[in-house]
């Protein structure tokens, strides 16, 4: 059975967050939510409104409407934007298999 692992690593603090998903779409949505939270936490609504024009997508966007192919594009946009904002955080999705 295929599973997808979402990994977020902060290289400065040596922290790693992992989650596993039985669908690629679930992994992609989680990865997008993680990077959006990293980039928007701690800002009030006015600050976010000022920042929003530079963001690749709306940070409150409903992701369930997209298929996996579209979500791959969205997550790559967010990762690229996130790297430009904070190069010390890395995001990845790995597909692997569980045999049992």
C-alpha atoms as a PDB file:
ATOM      1  CA  UNK A   1       0.000   0.000   0.000  1.00  0.00           C
ATOM      2  CA  UNK A   2       1.309   3.453  -0.884  1.00  0.00           C
ATOM      3  CA  UNK A   3       1.568   6.116   1.800  1.00  0.00           C
ATOM      4  CA  UNK A   4       2.810   9.687   1.637  1.00  0.00           C
ATOM      5  CA  UNK A   5       5.003  11.304   4.279  1.00  0.00           C
ATOM      6  CA  UNK A   6       5.001  15.077   4.731  1.00  0.00           C
ATOM      7  CA  UNK A   7       8.159  16.469   6.309  1.00  0.00           C
ATOM      8  CA  UNK A   8       8.914  19.970   7.527  1.00  0.00           C
ATOM      9  CA  UNK A   9      12.388  20.676   8.888  1.00  0.00           C
ATOM     10  CA  UNK A  10      13.692  23.835  10.510  1.00  0.00           C
ATOM     11  CA  UNK A  11      17.438  23.696   9.959  1.00  0.00           C
ATOM     12  CA  UNK A  12      18.257  26.360  12.542  1.00  0.00           C
ATOM     13  CA  UNK A  13      16.360  24.709  15.407  1.00  0.00           C
ATOM     14  CA  UNK A  14      16.827  21.122  14.197  1.00  0.00           C
ATOM     15  CA  UNK A  15      13.092  20.476  14.534  1.00  0.00           C
ATOM     16  CA  UNK A  16      11.274  18.078  12.234  1.00  0.00           C
ATOM     17  CA  UNK A  17       7.541  17.562  11.809  1.00  0.00           C
ATOM     18  CA  UNK A  18       6.289  14.380  10.112  1.00  0.00           C
ATOM     19  CA  UNK A  19       2.839  13.189   9.180  1.00  0.00           C
ATOM     20  CA  UNK A  20       1.716  10.188   7.147  1.00  0.00           C
ATOM     21  CA  UNK A  21      -1.235  10.007   4.776  1.00  0.00           C
ATOM     22  CA  UNK A  22      -2.982   7.243   2.888  1.00  0.00           C
ATOM     23  CA  UNK A  23      -3.809   9.549  -0.020  1.00  0.00           C
ATOM     24  CA  UNK A  24      -1.595  11.874  -1.993  1.00  0.00           C
ATOM     25  CA  UNK A  25      -4.286  14.545  -1.859  1.00  0.00           C
ATOM     26  CA  UNK A  26      -4.312  14.422   1.947  1.00  0.00           C
ATOM     27  CA  UNK A  27      -0.536  14.786   2.037  1.00  0.00           C
ATOM     28  CA  UNK A  28      -0.612  17.722  -0.372  1.00  0.00           C
ATOM     29  CA  UNK A  29      -3.329  19.535   1.581  1.00  0.00           C
ATOM     30  CA  UNK A  30      -1.412  19.021   4.835  1.00  0.00           C
ATOM     31  CA  UNK A  31       1.826  20.260   3.267  1.00  0.00           C
ATOM     32  CA  UNK A  32       0.088  23.397   1.987  1.00  0.00           C
ATOM     33  CA  UNK A  33      -1.532  24.060   5.361  1.00  0.00           C
ATOM     34  CA  UNK A  34       1.818  23.687   7.150  1.00  0.00           C
ATOM     35  CA  UNK A  35       3.662  26.167   4.960  1.00  0.00           C
ATOM     36  CA  UNK A  36       0.723  28.607   5.043  1.00  0.00           C
ATOM     37  CA  UNK A  37       0.669  28.456   8.846  1.00  0.00           C
ATOM     38  CA  UNK A  38       4.434  28.947   9.015  1.00  0.00           C
ATOM     39  CA  UNK A  39       4.174  32.058   6.865  1.00  0.00           C
ATOM     40  CA  UNK A  40       1.061  33.626   8.384  1.00  0.00           C
ATOM     41  CA  UNK A  41       1.148  32.784  12.128  1.00  0.00           C
ATOM     42  CA  UNK A  42       1.723  35.743  14.389  1.00  0.00           C
ATOM     43  CA  UNK A  43       0.377  38.363  11.994  1.00  0.00           C
ATOM     44  CA  UNK A  44      -2.863  40.227  12.573  1.00  0.00           C
ATOM     45  CA  UNK A  45      -5.447  40.612   9.810  1.00  0.00           C
ATOM     46  CA  UNK A  46      -4.177  44.029   8.677  1.00  0.00           C
ATOM     47  CA  UNK A  47      -0.605  42.772   8.361  1.00  0.00           C
ATOM     48  CA  UNK A  48      -1.791  39.724   6.424  1.00  0.00           C
ATOM     49  CA  UNK A  49      -3.771  41.933   4.070  1.00  0.00           C
ATOM     50  CA  UNK A  50      -0.607  43.914   3.316  1.00  0.00           C
ATOM     51  CA  UNK A  51       1.375  40.701   2.727  1.00  0.00           C
ATOM     52  CA  UNK A  52      -1.314  38.931   0.696  1.00  0.00           C
ATOM     53  CA  UNK A  53      -0.478  40.605  -2.609  1.00  0.00           C
ATOM     54  CA  UNK A  54       2.920  38.883  -2.646  1.00  0.00           C
ATOM     55  CA  UNK A  55       1.572  35.456  -1.709  1.00  0.00           C
ATOM     56  CA  UNK A  56       1.132  32.877  -4.456  1.00  0.00           C
ATOM     57  CA  UNK A  57      -2.400  31.939  -3.317  1.00  0.00           C
ATOM     58  CA  UNK A  58      -4.923  33.129  -0.753  1.00  0.00           C
ATOM     59  CA  UNK A  59      -3.897  31.696   2.651  1.00  0.00           C
ATOM     60  CA  UNK A  60      -7.502  30.848   3.574  1.00  0.00           C
ATOM     61  CA  UNK A  61      -8.292  29.124   0.272  1.00  0.00           C
ATOM     62  CA  UNK A  62     -10.420  25.946   0.415  1.00  0.00           C
ATOM     63  CA  UNK A  63      -8.146  23.210  -0.910  1.00  0.00           C
ATOM     64  CA  UNK A  64     -10.686  20.381  -1.173  1.00  0.00           C
ATOM     65  CA  UNK A  65     -11.911  21.712  -4.516  1.00  0.00           C
ATOM     66  CA  UNK A  66      -8.635  20.810  -6.251  1.00  0.00           C
ATOM     67  CA  UNK A  67      -7.354  17.490  -7.558  1.00  0.00           C
ATOM     68  CA  UNK A  68      -3.867  16.172  -6.778  1.00  0.00           C
ATOM     69  CA  UNK A  69      -2.316  17.590  -9.940  1.00  0.00           C
ATOM     70  CA  UNK A  70      -3.566  21.087  -9.116  1.00  0.00           C
ATOM     71  CA  UNK A  71      -2.487  20.717  -5.488  1.00  0.00           C
ATOM     72  CA  UNK A  72       1.048  19.763  -6.574  1.00  0.00           C
ATOM     73  CA  UNK A  73       1.265  23.095  -8.387  1.00  0.00           C
ATOM     74  CA  UNK A  74      -0.119  24.981  -5.396  1.00  0.00           C
ATOM     75  CA  UNK A  75       2.244  23.309  -2.917  1.00  0.00           C
ATOM     76  CA  UNK A  76       5.230  24.046  -5.156  1.00  0.00           C
ATOM     77  CA  UNK A  77       4.184  27.703  -5.354  1.00  0.00           C
ATOM     78  CA  UNK A  78       3.938  27.904  -1.562  1.00  0.00           C
ATOM     79  CA  UNK A  79       7.247  26.096  -1.048  1.00  0.00           C
ATOM     80  CA  UNK A  80       9.018  28.455  -3.419  1.00  0.00           C
ATOM     81  CA  UNK A  81       7.456  31.459  -1.700  1.00  0.00           C
ATOM     82  CA  UNK A  82       8.303  29.979   1.716  1.00  0.00           C
ATOM     83  CA  UNK A  83      11.934  29.426   0.763  1.00  0.00           C
ATOM     84  CA  UNK A  84      12.185  33.045  -0.378  1.00  0.00           C
ATOM     85  CA  UNK A  85      10.761  34.177   2.978  1.00  0.00           C
ATOM     86  CA  UNK A  86      12.703  31.774   5.233  1.00  0.00           C
ATOM     87  CA  UNK A  87      15.440  29.639   3.735  1.00  0.00           C
ATOM     88  CA  UNK A  88      15.918  27.782   7.035  1.00  0.00           C
ATOM     89  CA  UNK A  89      12.708  25.768   6.668  1.00  0.00           C
ATOM     90  CA  UNK A  90      12.477  22.845   4.261  1.00  0.00           C
ATOM     91  CA  UNK A  91       9.347  21.030   3.111  1.00  0.00           C
ATOM     92  CA  UNK A  92       9.093  17.666   1.385  1.00  0.00           C
ATOM     93  CA  UNK A  93       6.604  14.961   0.467  1.00  0.00           C
ATOM     94  CA  UNK A  94       7.842  11.401   0.051  1.00  0.00           C
ATOM     95  CA  UNK A  95       5.869   8.516  -1.373  1.00  0.00           C
ATOM     96  CA  UNK A  96       6.705   5.134   0.090  1.00  0.00           C
ATOM     97  CA  UNK A  97       5.101   1.739   0.571  1.00  0.00           C
ATOM     98  CA  UNK A  98       3.958  -0.202   3.581  1.00  0.00           C
ATOM     99  CA  UNK A  99       4.087  -3.948   3.185  1.00  0.00           C
ATOM    100  CA  UNK A 100       2.331  -6.117   5.638  1.00  0.00           C
END
